[in-house]
PDB file of N, CA and C in Angstrom:
ATOM      1  N   MET A   1     -29.958  24.351 -43.455  1.00  0.00           N
ATOM      2  CA  MET A   1     -28.562  24.541 -43.162  1.00  0.00           C
ATOM      3  C   MET A   1     -28.259  23.958 -41.770  1.00  0.00           C
ATOM      4  N   VAL A   2     -27.217  23.176 -41.672  1.00  0.00           N
ATOM      5  CA  VAL A   2     -26.830  22.567 -40.409  1.00  0.00           C
ATOM      6  C   VAL A   2     -25.933  23.530 -39.655  1.00  0.00           C
ATOM      7  N   GLU A   3     -26.324  23.793 -38.425  1.00  0.00           N
ATOM      8  CA  GLU A   3     -25.527  24.701 -37.598  1.00  0.00           C
ATOM      9  C   GLU A   3     -24.459  23.899 -36.860  1.00  0.00           C
ATOM     10  N   GLU A   4     -23.233  24.348 -36.951  1.00  0.00           N
ATOM     11  CA  GLU A   4     -22.118  23.661 -36.314  1.00  0.00           C
ATOM     12  C   GLU A   4     -21.827  24.311 -34.966  1.00  0.00           C
ATOM     13  N   THR A   5     -21.698  23.484 -33.934  1.00  0.00           N
ATOM     14  CA  THR A   5     -21.358  24.037 -32.627  1.00  0.00           C
ATOM     15  C   THR A   5     -19.844  24.089 -32.486  1.00  0.00           C
ATOM     16  N   VAL A   6     -19.381  25.125 -31.869  1.00  0.00           N
ATOM     17  CA  VAL A   6     -17.956  25.308 -31.678  1.00  0.00           C
ATOM     18  C   VAL A   6     -17.696  25.333 -30.172  1.00  0.00           C
ATOM     19  N   THR A   7     -16.827  24.460 -29.721  1.00  0.00           N
ATOM     20  CA  THR A   7     -16.460  24.490 -28.308  1.00  0.00           C
ATOM     21  C   THR A   7     -15.255  25.399 -28.147  1.00  0.00           C
ATOM     22  N   ILE A   8     -15.202  26.031 -27.011  1.00  0.00           N
ATOM     23  CA  ILE A   8     -14.101  26.949 -26.753  1.00  0.00           C
ATOM     24  C   ILE A   8     -13.288  26.458 -25.557  1.00  0.00           C
ATOM     25  N   MET A   9     -12.066  26.913 -25.499  1.00  0.00           N
ATOM     26  CA  MET A   9     -11.182  26.532 -24.419  1.00  0.00           C
ATOM     27  C   MET A   9     -11.694  27.104 -23.097  1.00  0.00           C
ATOM     28  N   ASN A  10     -11.613  26.296 -22.063  1.00  0.00           N
ATOM     29  CA  ASN A  10     -11.975  26.744 -20.725  1.00  0.00           C
ATOM     30  C   ASN A  10     -10.696  27.223 -20.046  1.00  0.00           C
ATOM     31  N   GLU A  11     -10.578  28.523 -19.867  1.00  0.00           N
ATOM     32  CA  GLU A  11      -9.361  29.131 -19.308  1.00  0.00           C
ATOM     33  C   GLU A  11      -9.046  28.625 -17.906  1.00  0.00           C
ATOM     34  N   VAL A  12     -10.076  28.335 -17.117  1.00  0.00           N
ATOM     35  CA  VAL A  12      -9.851  27.869 -15.752  1.00  0.00           C
ATOM     36  C   VAL A  12      -9.276  26.457 -15.761  1.00  0.00           C
ATOM     37  N   ILE A  13      -9.844  25.580 -16.539  1.00  0.00           N
ATOM     38  CA  ILE A  13      -9.436  24.172 -16.560  1.00  0.00           C
ATOM     39  C   ILE A  13      -8.150  23.960 -17.337  1.00  0.00           C
ATOM     40  N   HIS A  14      -7.887  24.773 -18.332  1.00  0.00           N
ATOM     41  CA  HIS A  14      -6.797  24.513 -19.272  1.00  0.00           C
ATOM     42  C   HIS A  14      -5.412  24.474 -18.630  1.00  0.00           C
ATOM     43  N   GLN A  15      -5.205  25.168 -17.534  1.00  0.00           N
ATOM     44  CA  GLN A  15      -3.902  25.176 -16.866  1.00  0.00           C
ATOM     45  C   GLN A  15      -3.542  23.736 -16.471  1.00  0.00           C
ATOM     46  N   GLN A  16      -2.289  23.371 -16.653  1.00  0.00           N
ATOM     47  CA  GLN A  16      -1.825  21.984 -16.500  1.00  0.00           C
ATOM     48  C   GLN A  16      -2.253  21.312 -15.193  1.00  0.00           C
ATOM     49  N   HIS A  17      -2.008  21.926 -14.060  1.00  0.00           N
ATOM     50  CA  HIS A  17      -2.345  21.291 -12.784  1.00  0.00           C
ATOM     51  C   HIS A  17      -3.860  21.171 -12.602  1.00  0.00           C
ATOM     52  N   ARG A  18      -4.584  22.202 -13.007  1.00  0.00           N
ATOM     53  CA  ARG A  18      -6.043  22.136 -12.855  1.00  0.00           C
ATOM     54  C   ARG A  18      -6.640  21.093 -13.790  1.00  0.00           C
ATOM     55  N   LEU A  19      -6.086  20.948 -14.970  1.00  0.00           N
ATOM     56  CA  LEU A  19      -6.545  19.904 -15.891  1.00  0.00           C
ATOM     57  C   LEU A  19      -6.298  18.529 -15.286  1.00  0.00           C
ATOM     58  N   ARG A  20      -5.150  18.328 -14.661  1.00  0.00           N
ATOM     59  CA  ARG A  20      -4.844  17.054 -14.009  1.00  0.00           C
ATOM     60  C   ARG A  20      -5.792  16.788 -12.838  1.00  0.00           C
ATOM     61  N   ILE A  21      -6.073  17.814 -12.055  1.00  0.00           N
ATOM     62  CA  ILE A  21      -7.012  17.664 -10.932  1.00  0.00           C
ATOM     63  C   ILE A  21      -8.372  17.231 -11.448  1.00  0.00           C
ATOM     64  N   MET A  22      -8.858  17.941 -12.448  1.00  0.00           N
ATOM     65  CA  MET A  22     -10.181  17.644 -13.003  1.00  0.00           C
ATOM     66  C   MET A  22     -10.228  16.242 -13.606  1.00  0.00           C
ATOM     67  N   ALA A  23      -9.175  15.848 -14.310  1.00  0.00           N
ATOM     68  CA  ALA A  23      -9.139  14.512 -14.918  1.00  0.00           C
ATOM     69  C   ALA A  23      -9.132  13.426 -13.847  1.00  0.00           C
ATOM     70  N   ALA A  24      -8.357  13.632 -12.797  1.00  0.00           N
ATOM     71  CA  ALA A  24      -8.303  12.641 -11.715  1.00  0.00           C
ATOM     72  C   ALA A  24      -9.661  12.513 -11.040  1.00  0.00           C
ATOM     73  N   LEU A  25     -10.321  13.629 -10.796  1.00  0.00           N
ATOM     74  CA  LEU A  25     -11.634  13.594 -10.162  1.00  0.00           C
ATOM     75  C   LEU A  25     -12.678  12.961 -11.066  1.00  0.00           C
ATOM     76  N   GLU A  26     -12.593  13.230 -12.346  1.00  0.00           N
ATOM     77  CA  GLU A  26     -13.526  12.626 -13.316  1.00  0.00           C
ATOM     78  C   GLU A  26     -13.356  11.106 -13.340  1.00  0.00           C
ATOM     79  N   ARG A  27     -12.109  10.660 -13.379  1.00  0.00           N
ATOM     80  CA  ARG A  27     -11.847   9.208 -13.399  1.00  0.00           C
ATOM     81  C   ARG A  27     -12.284   8.547 -12.104  1.00  0.00           C
ATOM     82  N   ALA A  28     -12.053   9.206 -10.991  1.00  0.00           N
ATOM     83  CA  ALA A  28     -12.377   8.628  -9.688  1.00  0.00           C
ATOM     84  C   ALA A  28     -13.885   8.539  -9.472  1.00  0.00           C
ATOM     85  N   ALA A  29     -14.638   9.455 -10.073  1.00  0.00           N
ATOM     86  CA  ALA A  29     -16.089   9.513  -9.913  1.00  0.00           C
ATOM     87  C   ALA A  29     -16.479   9.598  -8.436  1.00  0.00           C
ATOM     88  N   ALA A  30     -15.580  10.084  -7.622  1.00  0.00           N
ATOM     89  CA  ALA A  30     -15.824  10.282  -6.189  1.00  0.00           C
ATOM     90  C   ALA A  30     -14.839  11.341  -5.715  1.00  0.00           C
ATOM     91  N   SER A  31     -14.893  11.641  -4.434  1.00  0.00           N
ATOM     92  CA  SER A  31     -13.942  12.611  -3.914  1.00  0.00           C
ATOM     93  C   SER A  31     -12.564  11.976  -3.762  1.00  0.00           C
ATOM     94  N   LEU A  32     -11.545  12.805  -3.888  1.00  0.00           N
ATOM     95  CA  LEU A  32     -10.164  12.378  -3.667  1.00  0.00           C
ATOM     96  C   LEU A  32      -9.567  13.278  -2.598  1.00  0.00           C
ATOM     97  N   ASP A  33      -8.631  12.734  -1.848  1.00  0.00           N
ATOM     98  CA  ASP A  33      -8.026  13.569  -0.823  1.00  0.00           C
ATOM     99  C   ASP A  33      -6.842  14.346  -1.392  1.00  0.00           C
ATOM    100  N   PHE A  34      -6.469  15.369  -0.660  1.00  0.00           N
ATOM    101  CA  PHE A  34      -5.433  16.300  -1.065  1.00  0.00           C
ATOM    102  C   PHE A  34      -4.128  15.580  -1.403  1.00  0.00           C
ATOM    103  N   ALA A  35      -3.761  14.588  -0.590  1.00  0.00           N
ATOM    104  CA  ALA A  35      -2.495  13.871  -0.798  1.00  0.00           C
ATOM    105  C   ALA A  35      -2.482  13.147  -2.143  1.00  0.00           C
ATOM    106  N   ILE A  36      -3.596  12.551  -2.523  1.00  0.00           N
ATOM    107  CA  ILE A  36      -3.680  11.863  -3.825  1.00  0.00           C
ATOM    108  C   ILE A  36      -3.555  12.882  -4.952  1.00  0.00           C
ATOM    109  N   LEU A  37      -4.265  13.990  -4.840  1.00  0.00           N
ATOM    110  CA  LEU A  37      -4.190  15.015  -5.882  1.00  0.00           C
ATOM    111  C   LEU A  37      -2.785  15.600  -5.977  1.00  0.00           C
ATOM    112  N   LYS A  38      -2.107  15.702  -4.857  1.00  0.00           N
ATOM    113  CA  LYS A  38      -0.732  16.199  -4.855  1.00  0.00           C
ATOM    114  C   LYS A  38       0.162  15.256  -5.658  1.00  0.00           C
ATOM    115  N   LEU A  39      -0.025  13.962  -5.490  1.00  0.00           N
ATOM    116  CA  LEU A  39       0.748  12.977  -6.265  1.00  0.00           C
ATOM    117  C   LEU A  39       0.418  13.067  -7.753  1.00  0.00           C
ATOM    118  N   VAL A  40      -0.854  13.189  -8.067  1.00  0.00           N
ATOM    119  CA  VAL A  40      -1.300  13.263  -9.459  1.00  0.00           C
ATOM    120  C   VAL A  40      -0.693  14.474 -10.160  1.00  0.00           C
ATOM    121  N   CYS A  41      -0.659  15.600  -9.458  1.00  0.00           N
ATOM    122  CA  CYS A  41      -0.215  16.862 -10.061  1.00  0.00           C
ATOM    123  C   CYS A  41       1.281  17.102  -9.952  1.00  0.00           C
ATOM    124  N   GLY A  42       1.907  16.526  -8.955  1.00  0.00           N
ATOM    125  CA  GLY A  42       3.312  16.831  -8.729  1.00  0.00           C
ATOM    126  C   GLY A  42       3.510  18.265  -8.274  1.00  0.00           C
ATOM    127  N   ALA A  43       2.521  18.797  -7.587  1.00  0.00           N
ATOM    128  CA  ALA A  43       2.559  20.192  -7.135  1.00  0.00           C
ATOM    129  C   ALA A  43       2.918  20.257  -5.654  1.00  0.00           C
ATOM    130  N   THR A  44       3.358  21.419  -5.216  1.00  0.00           N
ATOM    131  CA  THR A  44       3.596  21.642  -3.792  1.00  0.00           C
ATOM    132  C   THR A  44       2.246  21.833  -3.102  1.00  0.00           C
ATOM    133  N   ASP A  45       2.239  21.748  -1.782  1.00  0.00           N
ATOM    134  CA  ASP A  45       0.996  21.953  -1.032  1.00  0.00           C
ATOM    135  C   ASP A  45       0.360  23.301  -1.362  1.00  0.00           C
ATOM    136  N   GLY A  46       1.163  24.359  -1.297  1.00  0.00           N
ATOM    137  CA  GLY A  46       0.641  25.701  -1.545  1.00  0.00           C
ATOM    138  C   GLY A  46       0.133  25.886  -2.957  1.00  0.00           C
ATOM    139  N   ASN A  47       0.865  25.351  -3.923  1.00  0.00           N
ATOM    140  CA  ASN A  47       0.473  25.463  -5.319  1.00  0.00           C
ATOM    141  C   ASN A  47      -0.824  24.704  -5.570  1.00  0.00           C
ATOM    142  N   LEU A  48      -0.898  23.477  -5.044  1.00  0.00           N
ATOM    143  CA  LEU A  48      -2.101  22.670  -5.231  1.00  0.00           C
ATOM    144  C   LEU A  48      -3.298  23.340  -4.570  1.00  0.00           C
ATOM    145  N   GLY A  49      -3.090  23.868  -3.366  1.00  0.00           N
ATOM    146  CA  GLY A  49      -4.175  24.561  -2.677  1.00  0.00           C
ATOM    147  C   GLY A  49      -4.706  25.735  -3.477  1.00  0.00           C
ATOM    148  N   ALA A  50      -3.819  26.480  -4.098  1.00  0.00           N
ATOM    149  CA  ALA A  50      -4.233  27.626  -4.914  1.00  0.00           C
ATOM    150  C   ALA A  50      -5.044  27.169  -6.127  1.00  0.00           C
ATOM    151  N   HIS A  51      -4.632  26.078  -6.765  1.00  0.00           N
ATOM    152  CA  HIS A  51      -5.372  25.575  -7.929  1.00  0.00           C
ATOM    153  C   HIS A  51      -6.743  25.046  -7.520  1.00  0.00           C
ATOM    154  N   ILE A  52      -6.800  24.384  -6.391  1.00  0.00           N
ATOM    155  CA  ILE A  52      -8.092  23.881  -5.909  1.00  0.00           C
ATOM    156  C   ILE A  52      -9.015  25.055  -5.594  1.00  0.00           C
ATOM    157  N   ARG A  53      -8.494  26.112  -4.974  1.00  0.00           N
ATOM    158  CA  ARG A  53      -9.306  27.300  -4.684  1.00  0.00           C
ATOM    159  C   ARG A  53      -9.856  27.923  -5.975  1.00  0.00           C
ATOM    160  N   THR A  54      -9.017  27.987  -7.009  1.00  0.00           N
ATOM    161  CA  THR A  54      -9.469  28.536  -8.291  1.00  0.00           C
ATOM    162  C   THR A  54     -10.624  27.710  -8.847  1.00  0.00           C
ATOM    163  N   LEU A  55     -10.494  26.391  -8.786  1.00  0.00           N
ATOM    164  CA  LEU A  55     -11.565  25.510  -9.272  1.00  0.00           C
ATOM    165  C   LEU A  55     -12.813  25.635  -8.401  1.00  0.00           C
ATOM    166  N   GLN A  56     -12.614  25.798  -7.105  1.00  0.00           N
ATOM    167  CA  GLN A  56     -13.739  25.959  -6.175  1.00  0.00           C
ATOM    168  C   GLN A  56     -14.467  27.272  -6.456  1.00  0.00           C
ATOM    169  N   GLU A  57     -13.729  28.343  -6.654  1.00  0.00           N
ATOM    170  CA  GLU A  57     -14.336  29.650  -6.946  1.00  0.00           C
ATOM    171  C   GLU A  57     -15.112  29.631  -8.259  1.00  0.00           C
ATOM    172  N   ALA A  58     -14.682  28.797  -9.196  1.00  0.00           N
ATOM    173  CA  ALA A  58     -15.390  28.664 -10.473  1.00  0.00           C
ATOM    174  C   ALA A  58     -16.630  27.778 -10.339  1.00  0.00           C
ATOM    175  N   GLY A  59     -16.780  27.124  -9.186  1.00  0.00           N
ATOM    176  CA  GLY A  59     -17.926  26.242  -8.974  1.00  0.00           C
ATOM    177  C   GLY A  59     -17.712  24.846  -9.525  1.00  0.00           C
ATOM    178  N   TYR A  60     -16.475  24.486  -9.827  1.00  0.00           N
ATOM    179  CA  TYR A  60     -16.177  23.194 -10.442  1.00  0.00           C
ATOM    180  C   TYR A  60     -15.890  22.090  -9.432  1.00  0.00           C
ATOM    181  N   VAL A  61     -15.460  22.447  -8.231  1.00  0.00           N
ATOM    182  CA  VAL A  61     -15.201  21.442  -7.204  1.00  0.00           C
ATOM    183  C   VAL A  61     -15.766  21.904  -5.870  1.00  0.00           C
ATOM    184  N   GLU A  62     -16.048  20.928  -5.017  1.00  0.00           N
ATOM    185  CA  GLU A  62     -16.435  21.185  -3.631  1.00  0.00           C
ATOM    186  C   GLU A  62     -15.329  20.641  -2.753  1.00  0.00           C
ATOM    187  N   VAL A  63     -15.023  21.368  -1.704  1.00  0.00           N
ATOM    188  CA  VAL A  63     -13.969  20.965  -0.782  1.00  0.00           C
ATOM    189  C   VAL A  63     -14.585  20.728   0.590  1.00  0.00           C
ATOM    190  N   THR A  64     -14.265  19.590   1.182  1.00  0.00           N
ATOM    191  CA  THR A  64     -14.689  19.298   2.546  1.00  0.00           C
ATOM    192  C   THR A  64     -13.454  18.931   3.355  1.00  0.00           C
ATOM    193  N   LYS A  65     -13.508  19.253   4.626  1.00  0.00           N
ATOM    194  CA  LYS A  65     -12.387  18.953   5.519  1.00  0.00           C
ATOM    195  C   LYS A  65     -12.921  18.160   6.695  1.00  0.00           C
ATOM    196  N   GLU A  66     -12.101  17.220   7.170  1.00  0.00           N
ATOM    197  CA  GLU A  66     -12.479  16.449   8.346  1.00  0.00           C
ATOM    198  C   GLU A  66     -11.253  16.197   9.200  1.00  0.00           C
ATOM    199  N   ALA A  67     -11.465  16.154  10.492  1.00  0.00           N
ATOM    200  CA  ALA A  67     -10.380  15.868  11.422  1.00  0.00           C
ATOM    201  C   ALA A  67     -10.216  14.358  11.523  1.00  0.00           C
ATOM    202  N   VAL A  68      -8.986  13.903  11.295  1.00  0.00           N
ATOM    203  CA  VAL A  68      -8.672  12.476  11.377  1.00  0.00           C
ATOM    204  C   VAL A  68      -7.377  12.339  12.161  1.00  0.00           C
ATOM    205  N   GLY A  69      -7.460  11.742  13.348  1.00  0.00           N
ATOM    206  CA  GLY A  69      -6.265  11.521  14.149  1.00  0.00           C
ATOM    207  C   GLY A  69      -5.485  12.781  14.456  1.00  0.00           C
ATOM    208  N   GLY A  70      -6.172  13.855  14.772  1.00  0.00           N
ATOM    209  CA  GLY A  70      -5.495  15.096  15.109  1.00  0.00           C
ATOM    210  C   GLY A  70      -5.023  15.913  13.920  1.00  0.00           C
ATOM    211  N   ARG A  71      -5.265  15.425  12.729  1.00  0.00           N
ATOM    212  CA  ARG A  71      -4.898  16.156  11.503  1.00  0.00           C
ATOM    213  C   ARG A  71      -6.164  16.426  10.696  1.00  0.00           C
ATOM    214  N   THR A  72      -6.076  17.416   9.858  1.00  0.00           N
ATOM    215  CA  THR A  72      -7.203  17.728   8.984  1.00  0.00           C
ATOM    216  C   THR A  72      -6.956  17.124   7.612  1.00  0.00           C
ATOM    217  N   ARG A  73      -7.941  16.382   7.132  1.00  0.00           N
ATOM    218  CA  ARG A  73      -7.878  15.831   5.774  1.00  0.00           C
ATOM    219  C   ARG A  73      -8.794  16.645   4.881  1.00  0.00           C
ATOM    220  N   THR A  74      -8.294  16.978   3.717  1.00  0.00           N
ATOM    221  CA  THR A  74      -9.062  17.748   2.745  1.00  0.00           C
ATOM    222  C   THR A  74      -9.495  16.831   1.614  1.00  0.00           C
ATOM    223  N   TRP A  75     -10.786  16.859   1.322  1.00  0.00           N
ATOM    224  CA  TRP A  75     -11.368  16.062   0.242  1.00  0.00           C
ATOM    225  C   TRP A  75     -11.888  16.990  -0.838  1.00  0.00           C
ATOM    226  N   VAL A  76     -11.675  16.610  -2.091  1.00  0.00           N
ATOM    227  CA  VAL A  76     -12.109  17.432  -3.228  1.00  0.00           C
ATOM    228  C   VAL A  76     -12.981  16.570  -4.124  1.00  0.00           C
ATOM    229  N   GLU A  77     -14.098  17.133  -4.564  1.00  0.00           N
ATOM    230  CA  GLU A  77     -15.040  16.395  -5.412  1.00  0.00           C
ATOM    231  C   GLU A  77     -15.559  17.303  -6.515  1.00  0.00           C
ATOM    232  N   LEU A  78     -15.777  16.740  -7.697  1.00  0.00           N
ATOM    233  CA  LEU A  78     -16.349  17.508  -8.809  1.00  0.00           C
ATOM    234  C   LEU A  78     -17.803  17.842  -8.525  1.00  0.00           C
ATOM    235  N   THR A  79     -18.211  19.030  -8.908  1.00  0.00           N
ATOM    236  CA  THR A  79     -19.629  19.378  -8.902  1.00  0.00           C
ATOM    237  C   THR A  79     -20.198  18.961 -10.262  1.00  0.00           C
ATOM    238  N   SER A  80     -21.510  19.000 -10.395  1.00  0.00           N
ATOM    239  CA  SER A  80     -22.095  18.680 -11.704  1.00  0.00           C
ATOM    240  C   SER A  80     -21.650  19.715 -12.743  1.00  0.00           C
ATOM    241  N   ALA A  81     -21.532  20.976 -12.329  1.00  0.00           N
ATOM    242  CA  ALA A  81     -21.044  22.014 -13.253  1.00  0.00           C
ATOM    243  C   ALA A  81     -19.592  21.741 -13.641  1.00  0.00           C
ATOM    244  N   GLY A  82     -18.793  21.273 -12.700  1.00  0.00           N
ATOM    245  CA  GLY A  82     -17.397  20.942 -12.980  1.00  0.00           C
ATOM    246  C   GLY A  82     -17.275  19.772 -13.938  1.00  0.00           C
ATOM    247  N   ARG A  83     -18.105  18.770 -13.721  1.00  0.00           N
ATOM    248  CA  ARG A  83     -18.089  17.604 -14.611  1.00  0.00           C
ATOM    249  C   ARG A  83     -18.454  18.018 -16.033  1.00  0.00           C
ATOM    250  N   ARG A  84     -19.468  18.844 -16.146  1.00  0.00           N
ATOM    251  CA  ARG A  84     -19.907  19.328 -17.471  1.00  0.00           C
ATOM    252  C   ARG A  84     -18.813  20.174 -18.121  1.00  0.00           C
ATOM    253  N   ALA A  85     -18.210  21.092 -17.358  1.00  0.00           N
ATOM    254  CA  ALA A  85     -17.152  21.960 -17.890  1.00  0.00           C
ATOM    255  C   ALA A  85     -15.941  21.132 -18.326  1.00  0.00           C
ATOM    256  N   PHE A  86     -15.598  20.119 -17.546  1.00  0.00           N
ATOM    257  CA  PHE A  86     -14.456  19.276 -17.900  1.00  0.00           C
ATOM    258  C   PHE A  86     -14.733  18.532 -19.204  1.00  0.00           C
ATOM    259  N   ARG A  87     -15.911  17.962 -19.333  1.00  0.00           N
ATOM    260  CA  ARG A  87     -16.250  17.215 -20.555  1.00  0.00           C
ATOM    261  C   ARG A  87     -16.262  18.131 -21.775  1.00  0.00           C
ATOM    262  N   GLU A  88     -16.745  19.345 -21.613  1.00  0.00           N
ATOM    263  CA  GLU A  88     -16.728  20.308 -22.720  1.00  0.00           C
ATOM    264  C   GLU A  88     -15.296  20.672 -23.093  1.00  0.00           C
ATOM    265  N   HIS A  89     -14.438  20.825 -22.084  1.00  0.00           N
ATOM    266  CA  HIS A  89     -13.038  21.160 -22.366  1.00  0.00           C
ATOM    267  C   HIS A  89     -12.331  20.001 -23.054  1.00  0.00           C
ATOM    268  N   VAL A  90     -12.626  18.779 -22.650  1.00  0.00           N
ATOM    269  CA  VAL A  90     -12.047  17.606 -23.314  1.00  0.00           C
ATOM    270  C   VAL A  90     -12.501  17.574 -24.776  1.00  0.00           C
ATOM    271  N   SER A  91     -13.755  17.890 -25.035  1.00  0.00           N
ATOM    272  CA  SER A  91     -14.240  17.952 -26.428  1.00  0.00           C
ATOM    273  C   SER A  91     -13.466  18.990 -27.224  1.00  0.00           C
ATOM    274  N   PHE A  92     -13.207  20.131 -26.602  1.00  0.00           N
ATOM    275  CA  PHE A  92     -12.401  21.167 -27.241  1.00  0.00           C
ATOM    276  C   PHE A  92     -11.020  20.626 -27.605  1.00  0.00           C
ATOM    277  N   LEU A  93     -10.370  19.946 -26.658  1.00  0.00           N
ATOM    278  CA  LEU A  93      -9.043  19.384 -26.911  1.00  0.00           C
ATOM    279  C   LEU A  93      -9.085  18.326 -28.005  1.00  0.00           C
ATOM    280  N   GLU A  94     -10.126  17.500 -27.993  1.00  0.00           N
ATOM    281  CA  GLU A  94     -10.267  16.472 -29.033  1.00  0.00           C
ATOM    282  C   GLU A  94     -10.438  17.096 -30.412  1.00  0.00           C
ATOM    283  N   GLU A  95     -11.160  18.210 -30.481  1.00  0.00           N
ATOM    284  CA  GLU A  95     -11.306  18.910 -31.766  1.00  0.00           C
ATOM    285  C   GLU A  95      -9.954  19.386 -32.278  1.00  0.00           C
ATOM    286  N   ILE A  96      -9.123  19.885 -31.374  1.00  0.00           N
ATOM    287  CA  ILE A  96      -7.813  20.394 -31.768  1.00  0.00           C
ATOM    288  C   ILE A  96      -6.939  19.278 -32.349  1.00  0.00           C
ATOM    289  N   VAL A  97      -6.932  18.139 -31.688  1.00  0.00           N
ATOM    290  CA  VAL A  97      -6.047  17.055 -32.128  1.00  0.00           C
ATOM    291  C   VAL A  97      -6.733  16.125 -33.123  1.00  0.00           C
ATOM    292  N   GLY A  98      -8.000  16.386 -33.423  1.00  0.00           N
ATOM    293  CA  GLY A  98      -8.680  15.626 -34.452  1.00  0.00           C
ATOM    294  C   GLY A  98      -9.080  14.226 -34.032  1.00  0.00           C
ATOM    295  N   THR A  99      -9.364  14.027 -32.761  1.00  0.00           N
ATOM    296  CA  THR A  99      -9.742  12.685 -32.304  1.00  0.00           C
ATOM    297  C   THR A  99     -11.166  12.613 -31.808  1.00  0.00           C
ATOM    298  N   GLN A 100     -11.963  13.656 -32.040  1.00  0.00           N
ATOM    299  CA  GLN A 100     -13.320  13.660 -31.524  1.00  0.00           C
ATOM    300  C   GLN A 100     -14.135  12.560 -32.178  1.00  0.00           C
ATOM    301  N   ARG A 101     -14.853  11.834 -31.344  1.00  0.00           N
ATOM    302  CA  ARG A 101     -15.717  10.754 -31.826  1.00  0.00           C
ATOM    303  C   ARG A 101     -17.069  11.343 -32.200  1.00  0.00           C
ATOM    304  N   HIS A 102     -17.625  10.828 -33.273  1.00  0.00           N
ATOM    305  CA  HIS A 102     -18.946  11.338 -33.705  1.00  0.00           C
ATOM    306  C   HIS A 102     -20.005  10.350 -33.403  1.00  0.00           C
TER     307      HIS A 102
END
């Protein structure tokens, strides 16, 4: 008997802004700064910061800050756990819409 694996929705990633953050980071394959993620998400500073904190607390992203010209720049990068969780969530979404590749 062949056992079928079932992917489940990731509650942390599924929220619209967090899904956009994760997708942008996955595509970039490197860290992105806060300003770029703000453009990608269309979120306010406070809203974006809260979503990044949620992803950070889940272990999906790492945040680093550096001083540049008297200002602090925030960089966000996927962790290996975040990359894996994002890919699993994308598989879940593909199953729903029937586009999963075999």
